Amino acid sequence: MEACEQHKWVFSRSDSYWRFCGRNSREYYHADYYFCEKCLKEKVIEKRHSCCDSEKWNLPDWARLITKKVAGYE
């Protein structure tokens, strides 16, 4: 593989989920994966947000779209 001076990032995939992280709190997670089409190096951009159940109305837009639930504190 050749090293590049200027990466050309291409979107690869996304992963997102939410889980209970306490009795009345949730954690939302979203990751976008990119790779450089020249050298195949990969980078990840992650977002996290935690809130209480009573604050769900104030979620960021990216977290509102998450429907996949994973096992957490239950």
C-alpha atoms as a PDB file:
ATOM      1  CA  MET A   1       0.000   0.000   0.000  1.00  0.00           C
ATOM      2  CA  GLU A   2       1.193   3.467  -0.732  1.00  0.00           C
ATOM      3  CA  ALA A   3       0.974   6.255   1.810  1.00  0.00           C
ATOM      4  CA  CYS A   4      -1.089   9.209   0.701  1.00  0.00           C
ATOM      5  CA  GLU A   5      -0.472  12.849   1.331  1.00  0.00           C
ATOM      6  CA  GLN A   6      -4.120  13.766   0.900  1.00  0.00           C
ATOM      7  CA  HIS A   7      -6.726  11.211   1.869  1.00  0.00           C
ATOM      8  CA  LYS A   8      -9.839  10.818  -0.233  1.00  0.00           C
ATOM      9  CA  TRP A   9     -12.436   9.596   2.291  1.00  0.00           C
ATOM     10  CA  VAL A  10     -15.359   7.487   1.125  1.00  0.00           C
ATOM     11  CA  PHE A  11     -18.317   6.531   3.313  1.00  0.00           C
ATOM     12  CA  SER A  12     -18.342   2.815   4.140  1.00  0.00           C
ATOM     13  CA  ARG A  13     -21.063   2.075   6.712  1.00  0.00           C
ATOM     14  CA  SER A  14     -22.881   3.226   9.858  1.00  0.00           C
ATOM     15  CA  ASP A  15     -23.680   1.591  13.159  1.00  0.00           C
ATOM     16  CA  SER A  16     -26.013   2.915  15.819  1.00  0.00           C
ATOM     17  CA  TYR A  17     -27.862   1.698  18.878  1.00  0.00           C
ATOM     18  CA  TRP A  18     -29.308   2.745  22.197  1.00  0.00           C
ATOM     19  CA  ARG A  19     -29.207   0.992  25.551  1.00  0.00           C
ATOM     20  CA  PHE A  20     -30.238   1.518  29.129  1.00  0.00           C
ATOM     21  CA  CYS A  21     -27.194   2.626  31.119  1.00  0.00           C
ATOM     22  CA  GLY A  22     -28.965   3.090  34.453  1.00  0.00           C
ATOM     23  CA  ARG A  23     -32.322   2.763  36.080  1.00  0.00           C
ATOM     24  CA  ASN A  24     -33.914   5.659  34.185  1.00  0.00           C
ATOM     25  CA  SER A  25     -31.199   6.668  31.763  1.00  0.00           C
ATOM     26  CA  ARG A  26     -30.283   5.811  28.198  1.00  0.00           C
ATOM     27  CA  GLU A  27     -27.157   6.060  26.102  1.00  0.00           C
ATOM     28  CA  TYR A  28     -27.305   6.649  22.343  1.00  0.00           C
ATOM     29  CA  TYR A  29     -24.357   5.757  20.114  1.00  0.00           C
ATOM     30  CA  HIS A  30     -23.736   6.366  16.412  1.00  0.00           C
ATOM     31  CA  ALA A  31     -20.589   5.686  14.364  1.00  0.00           C
ATOM     32  CA  ASP A  32     -19.844   6.479  10.723  1.00  0.00           C
ATOM     33  CA  TYR A  33     -17.019   4.526   9.076  1.00  0.00           C
ATOM     34  CA  TYR A  34     -14.955   5.949   6.227  1.00  0.00           C
ATOM     35  CA  PHE A  35     -11.981   4.613   4.264  1.00  0.00           C
ATOM     36  CA  CYS A  36      -9.393   6.276   2.061  1.00  0.00           C
ATOM     37  CA  GLU A  37      -9.706   4.932  -1.461  1.00  0.00           C
ATOM     38  CA  LYS A  38      -5.993   5.553  -2.080  1.00  0.00           C
ATOM     39  CA  CYS A  39      -4.338   3.872   0.922  1.00  0.00           C
ATOM     40  CA  LEU A  40      -7.353   2.007   2.460  1.00  0.00           C
ATOM     41  CA  LYS A  41      -6.825   3.606   5.873  1.00  0.00           C
ATOM     42  CA  GLU A  42     -10.062   3.633   7.914  1.00  0.00           C
ATOM     43  CA  LYS A  43     -11.411   6.296  10.255  1.00  0.00           C
ATOM     44  CA  VAL A  44     -14.430   6.351  12.543  1.00  0.00           C
ATOM     45  CA  ILE A  45     -16.489   9.341  13.640  1.00  0.00           C
ATOM     46  CA  GLU A  46     -18.414   8.558  16.823  1.00  0.00           C
ATOM     47  CA  LYS A  47     -21.263  10.355  18.571  1.00  0.00           C
ATOM     48  CA  ARG A  48     -22.587   9.601  22.060  1.00  0.00           C
ATOM     49  CA  HIS A  49     -25.427  11.080  24.049  1.00  0.00           C
ATOM     50  CA  SER A  50     -26.761  10.133  27.477  1.00  0.00           C
ATOM     51  CA  CYS A  51     -30.009  11.303  28.997  1.00  0.00           C
ATOM     52  CA  CYS A  52     -32.705  10.453  31.504  1.00  0.00           C
ATOM     53  CA  ASP A  53     -36.002   9.050  30.258  1.00  0.00           C
ATOM     54  CA  SER A  54     -37.685  12.341  31.145  1.00  0.00           C
ATOM     55  CA  GLU A  55     -35.277  14.218  28.804  1.00  0.00           C
ATOM     56  CA  LYS A  56     -35.939  12.092  25.698  1.00  0.00           C
ATOM     57  CA  TRP A  57     -37.839  14.991  24.144  1.00  0.00           C
ATOM     58  CA  ASN A  58     -34.554  16.939  23.992  1.00  0.00           C
ATOM     59  CA  LEU A  59     -32.526  14.387  21.977  1.00  0.00           C
ATOM     60  CA  PRO A  60     -30.268  15.489  19.117  1.00  0.00           C
ATOM     61  CA  ASP A  61     -31.702  14.752  15.673  1.00  0.00           C
ATOM     62  CA  TRP A  62     -29.214  11.957  14.963  1.00  0.00           C
ATOM     63  CA  ALA A  63     -30.244  10.112  18.174  1.00  0.00           C
ATOM     64  CA  ARG A  64     -33.983  10.332  17.449  1.00  0.00           C
ATOM     65  CA  LEU A  65     -33.560   8.088  14.415  1.00  0.00           C
ATOM     66  CA  ILE A  66     -31.988   5.209  16.360  1.00  0.00           C
ATOM     67  CA  THR A  67     -34.334   2.254  16.845  1.00  0.00           C
ATOM     68  CA  LYS A  68     -31.887  -0.610  17.486  1.00  0.00           C
ATOM     69  CA  LYS A  69     -31.711  -1.524  21.189  1.00  0.00           C
ATOM     70  CA  VAL A  70     -28.846  -3.561  22.613  1.00  0.00           C
ATOM     71  CA  ALA A  71     -28.571  -5.214  26.005  1.00  0.00           C
ATOM     72  CA  GLY A  72     -27.585  -2.879  28.794  1.00  0.00           C
ATOM     73  CA  TYR A  73     -28.452  -2.277  32.419  1.00  0.00           C
ATOM     74  CA  GLU A  74     -31.838  -3.938  32.907  1.00  0.00           C
END
